[in-house]
Protein backbone atom coordinates (compact mmCIF):
# COMPACT_ATOMS: atom_id res chain seq x y z
CA MET A 1 0.33 3.96 18.80
CA LEU A 2 -2.20 2.42 16.44
CA ILE A 3 -1.09 0.53 13.42
CA ILE A 4 -3.59 0.23 10.53
CA GLY A 5 -3.09 -1.86 7.39
CA ILE A 6 -4.97 -0.75 4.23
CA ALA A 7 -4.77 -3.37 1.49
CA GLY A 8 -6.64 -4.01 -1.77
CA GLY A 9 -6.06 -4.52 -5.45
CA SER A 10 -4.09 -2.19 -7.68
CA GLY A 11 -6.28 0.82 -8.65
CA CYS A 12 -8.92 0.05 -6.01
CA GLY A 13 -8.73 3.54 -4.33
CA LYS A 14 -6.47 2.85 -1.30
CA SER A 15 -4.68 6.20 -1.64
CA THR A 16 -8.04 8.01 -1.70
CA VAL A 17 -9.18 6.14 1.44
CA VAL A 18 -5.92 7.04 3.19
CA LYS A 19 -6.24 10.68 2.25
CA GLN A 20 -9.95 10.73 3.57
CA ILE A 21 -8.85 9.13 6.93
CA ILE A 22 -5.98 11.71 7.35
CA LYS A 23 -8.52 14.61 6.67
CA LYS A 24 -10.78 13.36 9.52
CA LEU A 25 -8.10 12.69 12.20
CA PRO A 26 -6.25 15.41 14.18
CA LYS A 27 -3.51 17.27 12.26
CA ASP A 28 -0.09 15.71 12.21
CA SER A 29 -1.37 12.50 14.05
CA VAL A 30 -0.78 10.21 11.10
CA THR A 31 2.32 8.75 9.46
CA VAL A 32 1.84 6.80 6.16
CA ILE A 33 4.17 3.97 5.18
CA PRO A 34 3.56 2.90 1.53
CA GLN A 35 4.45 -0.60 0.66
CA ASP A 36 5.71 0.77 -2.67
CA SER A 37 8.68 2.39 -0.88
CA TYR A 38 10.00 -1.10 -0.02
CA TYR A 39 10.21 -2.69 -3.49
CA LYS A 40 13.60 -4.41 -3.81
CA ASP A 41 16.26 -2.25 -5.56
CA ASN A 42 16.55 -3.49 -9.13
CA GLY A 43 18.46 -0.59 -10.60
CA HIS A 44 21.20 -2.90 -11.79
CA LEU A 45 18.96 -4.66 -14.27
CA ASN A 46 18.87 -3.65 -17.93
CA PRO A 47 15.61 -2.23 -19.36
CA GLU A 48 14.58 -5.56 -20.89
CA ASP A 49 14.82 -7.29 -17.54
CA ARG A 50 13.20 -4.40 -15.67
CA ALA A 51 10.19 -4.71 -17.81
CA LYS A 52 9.86 -8.24 -16.62
CA ILE A 53 9.71 -7.38 -12.90
CA ASN A 54 6.58 -8.67 -11.28
CA PHE A 55 5.49 -5.95 -8.87
CA ASP A 56 2.42 -7.82 -7.92
CA HIS A 57 4.28 -10.80 -6.28
CA PRO A 58 5.17 -10.76 -2.61
CA SER A 59 8.70 -11.71 -3.44
CA SER A 60 9.21 -8.24 -5.03
CA ILE A 61 8.92 -6.52 -1.57
CA GLU A 62 11.63 -6.28 1.09
CA PHE A 63 9.21 -7.21 3.98
CA ASN A 64 11.89 -7.68 6.49
CA LEU A 65 12.97 -3.95 6.21
CA LEU A 66 9.36 -2.81 6.32
CA ILE A 67 8.72 -4.86 9.45
CA LYS A 68 12.03 -3.67 11.05
CA HIS A 69 11.04 -0.04 10.30
CA LEU A 70 7.55 -0.58 11.75
CA ASP A 71 8.99 -1.99 14.87
CA SER A 72 11.45 0.92 15.26
CA LEU A 73 8.56 3.42 14.90
CA LYS A 74 6.68 1.57 17.61
CA GLU A 75 9.73 1.97 19.85
CA GLY A 76 9.72 5.70 19.26
CA GLU A 77 12.56 5.79 16.80
CA THR A 78 12.73 7.84 13.58
CA ILE A 79 13.38 5.72 10.45
CA GLY A 80 14.86 6.40 6.99
CA MET A 81 12.18 5.30 4.61
CA PRO A 82 13.46 4.29 1.08
CA ILE A 83 12.60 6.23 -2.04
CA TYR A 84 11.74 3.96 -4.94
CA SER A 85 11.33 4.85 -8.59
CA TYR A 86 9.13 2.90 -10.98
CA LEU A 87 10.93 4.54 -13.89
CA THR A 88 14.39 3.26 -12.94
CA CYS A 89 13.36 0.38 -10.64
CA ALA A 90 15.90 1.61 -8.24
CA ARG A 91 16.06 3.05 -4.77
CA ALA A 92 17.51 6.56 -4.41
CA LYS A 93 20.61 6.99 -2.13
CA GLU A 94 18.66 9.45 0.02
CA THR A 95 15.91 8.33 2.39
CA ILE A 96 12.92 10.10 3.88
CA PRO A 97 13.08 10.63 7.58
CA VAL A 98 9.82 9.39 9.12
CA GLN A 99 8.86 10.04 12.71
CA PRO A 100 6.53 7.92 15.01
CA LYS A 101 2.97 9.32 15.44
CA GLU A 102 -0.14 8.27 17.10
CA VAL A 103 -1.48 6.54 13.98
CA ILE A 104 0.70 4.56 11.51
CA ILE A 105 -1.02 3.60 8.23
CA VAL A 106 0.75 0.86 6.28
CA GLU A 107 -0.69 0.97 2.64
CA GLY A 108 -0.24 -1.35 -0.27
CA ILE A 109 -1.61 -4.31 -2.38
CA LEU A 110 0.25 -7.03 -0.71
CA ILE A 111 0.72 -5.94 2.91
CA MET A 112 -1.84 -8.52 4.28
CA SER A 113 -0.11 -11.44 2.44
CA ASN A 114 2.76 -11.40 5.02
CA PRO A 115 1.77 -13.03 8.39
CA ARG A 116 4.50 -11.16 10.36
CA LEU A 117 3.43 -7.76 9.08
CA ARG A 118 -0.31 -8.64 9.54
CA GLU A 119 0.16 -9.55 13.14
CA ARG A 120 1.54 -6.02 13.81
CA MET A 121 -1.65 -4.41 12.58
CA ASP A 122 -4.33 -3.24 15.08
CA ILE A 123 -6.95 -2.65 12.42
CA LYS A 124 -6.88 -4.37 8.95
CA VAL A 125 -8.83 -2.83 6.11
CA PHE A 126 -9.48 -4.10 2.51
CA VAL A 127 -10.51 -1.60 -0.05
CA ASP A 128 -12.67 -3.44 -2.66
CA ALA A 129 -13.60 -2.23 -6.09
CA ASP A 130 -14.87 -3.72 -9.27
CA ALA A 131 -12.17 -5.25 -11.68
CA ASP A 132 -13.12 -2.94 -14.61
CA ASP A 133 -12.97 0.19 -12.30
CA ARG A 134 -9.51 -0.87 -11.15
CA LEU A 135 -8.42 -1.52 -14.77
CA MET A 136 -9.46 1.98 -15.88
CA ARG A 137 -7.46 3.58 -12.95
CA ILE A 138 -4.40 1.39 -13.73
CA ILE A 139 -4.48 2.42 -17.42
CA ARG A 140 -4.62 6.13 -16.45
CA ARG A 141 -2.01 5.88 -13.74
CA ASP A 142 0.53 3.67 -15.59
CA ILE A 143 0.39 5.87 -18.74
CA GLU A 144 0.69 9.15 -16.84
CA GLU A 145 3.01 8.17 -14.02
CA ARG A 146 4.97 5.16 -15.16
CA GLY A 147 5.61 5.97 -18.80
CA ARG A 148 3.93 2.95 -20.23
CA SER A 149 2.01 2.84 -23.50
CA PHE A 150 -1.53 1.76 -23.68
CA SER A 151 -0.63 -1.76 -25.05
CA GLN A 152 2.09 -2.19 -22.51
CA VAL A 153 -0.38 -1.44 -19.68
CA LEU A 154 -2.80 -4.08 -21.10
CA ASP A 155 0.02 -6.74 -21.47
CA HIS A 156 1.25 -6.11 -17.95
CA TYR A 157 -2.27 -6.25 -16.57
CA GLU A 158 -2.97 -9.58 -18.30
CA LYS A 159 0.42 -11.16 -17.45
CA TYR A 160 0.96 -9.89 -13.92
CA VAL A 161 -1.68 -7.81 -12.32
CA LYS A 162 -4.77 -9.87 -12.84
CA PRO A 163 -3.23 -13.39 -12.08
CA MET A 164 -1.34 -12.00 -8.99
CA HIS A 165 -4.45 -10.29 -7.79
CA LEU A 166 -6.41 -13.53 -7.87
CA GLN A 167 -3.56 -15.51 -6.22
CA PHE A 168 -2.24 -13.12 -3.49
CA ILE A 169 -4.35 -10.09 -3.03
CA GLU A 170 -8.10 -11.12 -3.23
CA PRO A 171 -7.48 -14.04 -0.79
CA THR A 172 -6.26 -11.64 1.89
CA LYS A 173 -9.71 -9.97 2.03
CA ARG A 174 -10.59 -12.75 4.74
CA TYR A 175 -8.10 -11.18 7.12
CA ALA A 176 -9.75 -7.76 7.04
CA ASP A 177 -11.55 -6.38 10.05
CA ILE A 178 -13.29 -3.82 7.64
CA ILE A 179 -14.04 -4.10 3.94
CA VAL A 180 -14.57 -0.82 2.10
CA PRO A 181 -16.49 -1.34 -1.11
CA GLN A 182 -16.32 1.37 -3.92
CA GLY A 183 -12.97 2.67 -2.48
CA GLY A 184 -12.79 6.31 -1.61
CA ALA A 185 -16.32 7.10 -2.76
CA ASN A 186 -17.69 5.08 0.22
CA HIS A 187 -17.95 7.99 2.74
CA VAL A 188 -20.10 5.92 5.23
CA ALA A 189 -17.45 3.23 5.45
CA ILE A 190 -14.71 5.82 5.89
CA ASP A 191 -16.71 7.56 8.66
CA ILE A 192 -17.22 4.28 10.49
CA LEU A 193 -13.47 3.45 10.08
CA THR A 194 -12.28 6.90 11.38
CA SER A 195 -14.81 6.72 14.26
CA ARG A 196 -13.25 3.38 15.26
CA ILE A 197 -9.75 4.80 14.95
CA LYS A 198 -10.63 7.71 17.28
CA MET A 199 -12.16 5.38 19.77
CA ASN A 200 -9.09 3.16 19.78
CA LEU A 201 -6.88 6.17 20.27
CA LYS A 202 -8.74 7.19 23.35
CA GLN A 203 -8.17 3.72 24.77
CA VAL A 204 -4.41 3.75 24.19
């Protein structure tokens, strides 16, 4: 089993890179574990307090459960991955059964900020993108998917996203084995990455 970590700032194109990698690898050989599924359950909070949750701080993620699930997959066990909703800030009662496969991709903005999670990764990737490109994607995503107004998105970006990116996310670039500039548009970097993954799989 090969465990790949794909990190990078919010709106950098991580999901696009993941999709491109999956396309280039054998069918049904990849399991994706999104960090977003492991946000702590805050469904008990009122709407005012939910609006103050800092999703860009490492303390917002239940890393212990994510690491436990990753270890279980490595041991060949099926896990029940949480289902998290940004609209309610709560986890669903149901979980998604996830089976171990040859390649496990752990994807999220903060995954390389945790040393215990980092040491479980065979290949660490940082997807890089210009701040203004990321902001444009964040605005579009938060309005369309998370029910925020334009002014709410900008306030949230200024208060949480930008300072947390500089403090916790950008510094993890130094742990990366591969840096992918321009996100999913960088086909050369993605080709190199997938070739490396295929080579590692042959050695396993």
